[in-house]
N, C-alpha and C. Protein backbone atom coordinates (compact mmCIF):
# COMPACT_ATOMS: atom_id res chain seq x y z
N MET A 1 -29.24 -8.40 -14.72
CA MET A 1 -28.06 -9.68 -14.40
C MET A 1 -26.92 -9.60 -13.12
N PHE A 2 -27.01 -8.35 -13.50
CA PHE A 2 -25.27 -8.05 -12.64
C PHE A 2 -25.94 -7.40 -10.99
N HIS A 3 -27.27 -7.77 -11.04
CA HIS A 3 -27.86 -7.22 -9.34
C HIS A 3 -27.37 -8.50 -7.92
N ASN A 4 -27.51 -7.53 -7.47
CA ASN A 4 -26.42 -9.04 -6.07
C ASN A 4 -27.33 -10.39 -5.74
N ASP A 5 -28.53 -10.02 -5.71
CA ASP A 5 -29.15 -11.53 -6.09
C ASP A 5 -29.51 -12.06 -7.14
N ASN A 6 -29.25 -11.64 -8.69
CA ASN A 6 -29.15 -12.57 -9.82
C ASN A 6 -27.26 -13.22 -9.44
N LEU A 7 -26.47 -11.86 -8.87
CA LEU A 7 -25.50 -13.17 -8.65
C LEU A 7 -24.98 -14.32 -7.88
N LYS A 8 -26.02 -14.39 -6.44
CA LYS A 8 -26.26 -15.35 -5.79
C LYS A 8 -25.73 -16.17 -5.95
N GLU A 9 -27.09 -16.63 -7.23
CA GLU A 9 -27.01 -18.23 -7.43
C GLU A 9 -25.81 -18.45 -8.64
N TYR A 10 -24.91 -17.40 -8.85
CA TYR A 10 -24.13 -18.18 -9.88
C TYR A 10 -23.03 -17.80 -8.75
N ALA A 11 -23.19 -18.26 -7.66
CA ALA A 11 -21.41 -18.04 -6.35
C ALA A 11 -21.12 -19.44 -6.45
N GLY A 12 -21.74 -20.69 -6.68
CA GLY A 12 -21.57 -22.24 -6.71
C GLY A 12 -20.59 -22.40 -8.36
N THR A 13 -21.31 -21.34 -9.06
CA THR A 13 -19.90 -21.87 -10.48
C THR A 13 -19.27 -21.01 -10.20
N ILE A 14 -19.17 -20.24 -10.26
CA ILE A 14 -17.76 -18.93 -9.46
C ILE A 14 -16.97 -19.34 -8.44
N ASN A 15 -17.64 -20.35 -7.64
CA ASN A 15 -16.06 -20.45 -6.39
C ASN A 15 -15.51 -22.28 -7.26
N GLN A 16 -16.26 -23.29 -7.94
CA GLN A 16 -15.53 -24.33 -8.53
C GLN A 16 -14.92 -23.89 -9.35
N ALA A 17 -15.13 -22.45 -10.68
CA ALA A 17 -14.72 -22.06 -11.62
C ALA A 17 -12.94 -22.10 -10.58
N VAL A 18 -13.29 -20.74 -9.53
CA VAL A 18 -11.33 -20.32 -9.09
C VAL A 18 -11.21 -21.91 -8.51
N ASP A 19 -11.96 -22.40 -8.17
CA ASP A 19 -10.98 -24.38 -7.23
C ASP A 19 -10.57 -24.79 -8.33
N ASP A 20 -11.19 -24.83 -9.65
CA ASP A 20 -10.25 -25.54 -10.54
C ASP A 20 -8.88 -25.22 -10.70
N LEU A 21 -8.78 -23.29 -10.95
CA LEU A 21 -8.32 -22.87 -10.86
C LEU A 21 -6.67 -22.50 -9.99
N ILE A 22 -7.43 -22.67 -9.33
CA ILE A 22 -6.44 -23.69 -7.96
C ILE A 22 -5.92 -24.88 -7.67
N ASN A 23 -6.37 -25.90 -8.51
CA ASN A 23 -5.71 -26.76 -8.74
C ASN A 23 -4.68 -26.56 -9.72
N ASN A 24 -5.57 -26.15 -10.47
CA ASN A 24 -4.56 -26.76 -11.57
C ASN A 24 -3.31 -25.42 -11.45
N LEU A 25 -3.42 -24.18 -10.33
CA LEU A 25 -1.89 -23.71 -10.39
C LEU A 25 -0.96 -24.06 -9.37
N HIS A 26 -2.19 -25.23 -7.80
CA HIS A 26 -0.23 -25.66 -7.53
C HIS A 26 -0.65 -26.55 -8.15
N ALA A 27 -0.57 -27.91 -9.11
CA ALA A 27 -0.10 -28.95 -10.34
C ALA A 27 0.90 -27.89 -11.17
N VAL A 28 1.50 -27.00 -11.19
CA VAL A 28 2.52 -26.73 -11.98
C VAL A 28 2.86 -25.97 -10.69
N ALA A 29 2.46 -25.34 -9.61
CA ALA A 29 3.59 -24.97 -9.12
C ALA A 29 4.14 -25.53 -8.38
N LYS A 30 4.14 -27.54 -8.22
CA LYS A 30 4.90 -28.15 -7.71
C LYS A 30 6.14 -28.85 -8.64
N THR A 31 5.69 -27.83 -10.48
CA THR A 31 6.66 -28.30 -11.32
C THR A 31 7.79 -27.48 -10.95
N GLY A 32 7.96 -26.03 -10.77
CA GLY A 32 8.15 -25.10 -10.55
C GLY A 32 8.24 -24.20 -11.78
N GLU A 33 7.00 -24.60 -13.07
CA GLU A 33 7.68 -23.88 -14.07
C GLU A 33 6.43 -22.36 -13.93
N GLN A 34 6.81 -21.10 -14.40
CA GLN A 34 6.05 -20.15 -14.43
C GLN A 34 5.06 -20.64 -15.48
N VAL A 35 4.26 -19.91 -15.03
CA VAL A 35 2.32 -20.08 -15.27
C VAL A 35 1.52 -17.90 -16.78
N ASP A 36 1.14 -18.43 -16.76
CA ASP A 36 0.58 -17.63 -18.09
C ASP A 36 -0.37 -16.87 -17.57
N MET A 37 -0.45 -16.44 -16.20
CA MET A 37 -1.69 -16.02 -15.28
C MET A 37 -2.42 -15.23 -16.58
N HIS A 38 -2.48 -14.66 -17.29
CA HIS A 38 -3.55 -13.75 -18.03
C HIS A 38 -4.62 -15.19 -18.60
N GLY A 39 -3.38 -15.74 -19.36
CA GLY A 39 -3.92 -17.14 -20.29
C GLY A 39 -4.68 -17.92 -19.00
N GLN A 40 -4.78 -18.10 -17.90
CA GLN A 40 -5.25 -18.82 -17.04
C GLN A 40 -6.38 -17.93 -16.76
N LEU A 41 -6.14 -16.47 -15.99
CA LEU A 41 -7.76 -15.82 -15.97
C LEU A 41 -8.72 -15.51 -17.16
N GLY A 42 -8.32 -15.46 -18.09
CA GLY A 42 -8.66 -15.80 -19.25
C GLY A 42 -9.98 -17.20 -19.09
N ARG A 43 -9.25 -17.85 -19.18
CA ARG A 43 -9.49 -19.22 -19.17
C ARG A 43 -10.99 -19.29 -18.06
N LEU A 44 -10.12 -18.68 -16.91
CA LEU A 44 -11.76 -18.58 -15.66
C LEU A 44 -12.91 -17.65 -15.95
N THR A 45 -12.34 -16.97 -16.99
CA THR A 45 -13.71 -16.10 -16.85
C THR A 45 -14.37 -16.40 -18.23
N MET A 46 -14.26 -17.26 -19.43
CA MET A 46 -14.36 -18.34 -19.97
C MET A 46 -15.36 -19.43 -19.29
N GLN A 47 -14.85 -19.64 -18.73
CA GLN A 47 -15.35 -21.25 -17.79
C GLN A 47 -17.16 -20.55 -16.85
N VAL A 48 -16.49 -19.60 -16.40
CA VAL A 48 -18.08 -18.56 -15.61
C VAL A 48 -18.65 -18.28 -16.68
N ILE A 49 -18.36 -17.23 -17.72
CA ILE A 49 -19.10 -16.91 -18.44
C ILE A 49 -19.70 -17.93 -18.98
N GLY A 50 -19.37 -19.00 -20.11
CA GLY A 50 -20.06 -19.75 -20.25
C GLY A 50 -20.87 -21.21 -19.18
N ALA A 51 -21.08 -20.93 -18.61
CA ALA A 51 -21.47 -21.92 -16.83
C ALA A 51 -22.58 -21.02 -16.55
N ALA A 52 -22.63 -19.36 -16.83
CA ALA A 52 -23.52 -18.58 -15.99
C ALA A 52 -23.92 -18.15 -17.02
N ALA A 53 -23.42 -18.13 -18.63
CA ALA A 53 -24.40 -16.81 -19.32
C ALA A 53 -25.53 -17.87 -19.95
N PHE A 54 -24.66 -19.87 -20.81
CA PHE A 54 -25.55 -19.96 -22.05
C PHE A 54 -25.85 -21.89 -21.19
N GLY A 55 -24.92 -21.84 -19.66
CA GLY A 55 -25.11 -23.43 -19.49
C GLY A 55 -24.05 -24.06 -19.62
N TYR A 56 -23.58 -23.68 -20.33
CA TYR A 56 -22.19 -24.24 -20.92
C TYR A 56 -21.28 -25.12 -20.97
N ASP A 57 -20.61 -25.84 -20.48
CA ASP A 57 -19.40 -26.01 -19.87
C ASP A 57 -18.29 -26.29 -20.71
N CYS A 58 -17.31 -25.18 -20.84
CA CYS A 58 -16.45 -25.60 -22.29
C CYS A 58 -15.42 -26.04 -21.72
N ASP A 59 -14.17 -26.51 -20.24
CA ASP A 59 -14.04 -26.69 -19.86
C ASP A 59 -12.65 -26.69 -19.95
N CYS A 60 -12.86 -24.66 -19.83
CA CYS A 60 -11.24 -24.40 -19.88
C CYS A 60 -10.01 -24.69 -18.66
N LYS A 61 -10.86 -25.08 -17.71
CA LYS A 61 -9.50 -25.64 -16.96
C LYS A 61 -9.30 -26.34 -17.16
N HIS A 62 -8.99 -27.45 -18.14
CA HIS A 62 -8.57 -28.33 -19.18
C HIS A 62 -7.01 -27.69 -19.29
N MET A 63 -6.90 -26.50 -19.66
CA MET A 63 -6.41 -25.64 -21.03
C MET A 63 -5.47 -25.08 -20.45
N VAL A 64 -4.63 -25.58 -20.17
CA VAL A 64 -3.20 -25.17 -18.99
C VAL A 64 -1.88 -24.50 -20.20
N SER A 65 -1.50 -22.89 -20.45
CA SER A 65 0.03 -23.00 -19.74
C SER A 65 0.75 -22.77 -19.18
N HIS A 66 1.96 -23.21 -19.58
CA HIS A 66 2.56 -22.91 -19.08
C HIS A 66 3.85 -21.73 -19.14
N HIS A 67 3.82 -20.67 -19.87
CA HIS A 67 4.69 -20.01 -20.56
C HIS A 67 4.37 -18.34 -19.90
N ILE A 68 4.77 -17.41 -19.54
CA ILE A 68 4.68 -16.46 -19.30
C ILE A 68 4.87 -16.17 -20.68
N ARG A 69 3.84 -14.78 -20.18
CA ARG A 69 3.98 -13.23 -21.05
C ARG A 69 3.53 -12.06 -20.95
N LEU A 70 4.62 -11.64 -20.31
CA LEU A 70 4.65 -10.26 -20.23
C LEU A 70 4.79 -9.37 -21.42
N HIS A 71 3.54 -9.23 -21.73
CA HIS A 71 2.42 -7.56 -22.16
C HIS A 71 1.96 -6.85 -21.51
N CYS A 72 2.16 -5.59 -21.03
CA CYS A 72 1.89 -4.22 -19.90
C CYS A 72 1.01 -2.97 -20.61
């Protein structure tokens, strides 16, 4: 599944999910609020896995959390 030839077919799915994330971040940046990047990247991951592995749009891009968490 993770061979380069297989990953090429998911490029559009990955690019769309990243574009959605960027658009969400631009919208939040205009407000000056802080962003929970860990949560945002987790939702990006779920969006890609849901679409690529299961053909399911979990619509994670609309789940926006603006609260920052610092758990290292």
